[in-house]
Amino acid sequence: MTAKVTLSFSDETIEEARRFAKREGMSLSAWVDAAAREKALREVFAGHAAAVGRAGLDIEAAALADEQESEMVDAVLFGGPKRAA
């Protein structure tokens, strides 16, 4: 679904947006939509990261431990780390 809205931008902002949209082969509307979606997702992910940090969870360490465990299983099953083809 698409909603039509009226927005106001500074001259500098709209010219930069037009330039980026043209460079990426997109309409201005499509480029602004993608930029707004990207900003919204960044806000969601930043909020999630902050909540994880406040909870004292160390997701990076857990991910590294999972990777090491996966490599150990591959070593046992396949004689070494599984390689991407």
Protein backbone atom coordinates (compact mmCIF):
# COMPACT_ATOMS: atom_id res chain seq x y z
CA MET A 1 0.00 0.00 0.00
CA THR A 2 1.22 3.48 -0.79
CA ALA A 3 0.23 6.70 0.95
CA LYS A 4 0.60 10.12 -0.61
CA VAL A 5 1.97 12.69 1.82
CA THR A 6 3.27 16.21 1.56
CA LEU A 7 6.75 16.72 2.97
CA SER A 8 9.04 19.75 3.13
CA PHE A 9 12.80 19.48 2.66
CA SER A 10 15.57 22.04 2.56
CA ASP A 11 16.79 22.84 -0.96
CA GLU A 12 20.13 21.20 -0.18
CA THR A 13 18.54 18.00 1.12
CA ILE A 14 16.20 17.56 -1.84
CA GLU A 15 18.97 18.22 -4.37
CA GLU A 16 21.18 15.62 -2.70
CA ALA A 17 18.29 13.16 -2.62
CA ARG A 18 17.59 13.74 -6.32
CA ARG A 19 21.27 13.21 -7.13
CA PHE A 20 21.44 9.95 -5.15
CA ALA A 21 18.16 8.71 -6.64
CA LYS A 22 19.39 9.42 -10.17
CA ARG A 23 22.73 7.72 -9.45
CA GLU A 24 20.89 4.61 -8.22
CA GLY A 25 18.39 4.65 -11.10
CA MET A 26 15.42 5.24 -8.78
CA SER A 27 12.61 7.72 -8.69
CA LEU A 28 12.90 10.35 -5.99
CA SER A 29 9.87 8.85 -4.22
CA ALA A 30 11.38 5.34 -4.26
CA TRP A 31 14.73 6.66 -2.99
CA VAL A 32 13.13 8.65 -0.14
CA ASP A 33 11.00 5.60 0.76
CA ALA A 34 14.11 3.40 0.92
CA ALA A 35 16.03 6.02 2.93
CA ALA A 36 13.18 6.37 5.43
CA ARG A 37 12.86 2.59 5.76
CA GLU A 38 16.63 2.26 6.31
CA LYS A 39 16.53 4.95 9.01
CA ALA A 40 13.58 3.27 10.73
CA LEU A 41 15.37 -0.10 10.74
CA ARG A 42 18.52 1.49 12.13
CA GLU A 43 16.46 2.94 14.98
CA VAL A 44 14.91 -0.48 15.70
CA PHE A 45 18.29 -2.24 15.62
CA ALA A 46 19.94 0.46 17.75
CA GLY A 47 17.15 0.12 20.32
CA HIS A 48 17.56 -3.64 20.33
CA ALA A 49 21.34 -3.37 20.72
CA ALA A 50 20.89 -0.96 23.62
CA ALA A 51 18.42 -3.33 25.32
CA VAL A 52 20.82 -6.26 24.86
CA GLY A 53 23.61 -4.15 26.32
CA ARG A 54 21.50 -3.12 29.33
CA ALA A 55 20.61 -6.78 29.90
CA GLY A 56 24.32 -7.59 30.05
CA LEU A 57 24.12 -10.13 27.23
CA ASP A 58 27.27 -10.75 25.23
CA ILE A 59 25.84 -11.87 21.89
CA GLU A 60 29.16 -11.49 20.07
CA ALA A 61 30.88 -13.92 22.43
CA ALA A 62 28.00 -16.38 22.06
CA ALA A 63 28.18 -16.13 18.26
CA LEU A 64 31.94 -16.76 18.32
CA ALA A 65 31.46 -19.75 20.62
CA ASP A 66 28.79 -21.15 18.25
CA GLU A 67 31.16 -20.73 15.31
CA GLN A 68 33.96 -22.52 17.16
CA GLU A 69 31.61 -25.35 18.13
CA SER A 70 30.48 -25.67 14.51
CA GLU A 71 34.11 -25.88 13.37
CA MET A 72 34.82 -28.61 15.95
CA VAL A 73 31.83 -30.65 14.72
CA ASP A 74 32.97 -30.18 11.12
CA ALA A 75 36.46 -31.34 12.09
CA VAL A 76 35.05 -34.54 13.59
CA LEU A 77 32.57 -35.22 10.79
CA PHE A 78 34.51 -34.03 7.76
CA GLY A 79 38.13 -34.05 8.85
CA GLY A 80 38.39 -30.25 9.00
CA PRO A 81 36.44 -27.03 8.82
CA LYS A 82 33.71 -27.04 6.21
CA ARG A 83 34.66 -24.75 3.36
CA ALA A 84 32.30 -22.73 1.18
CA ALA A 85 32.26 -23.96 -2.41
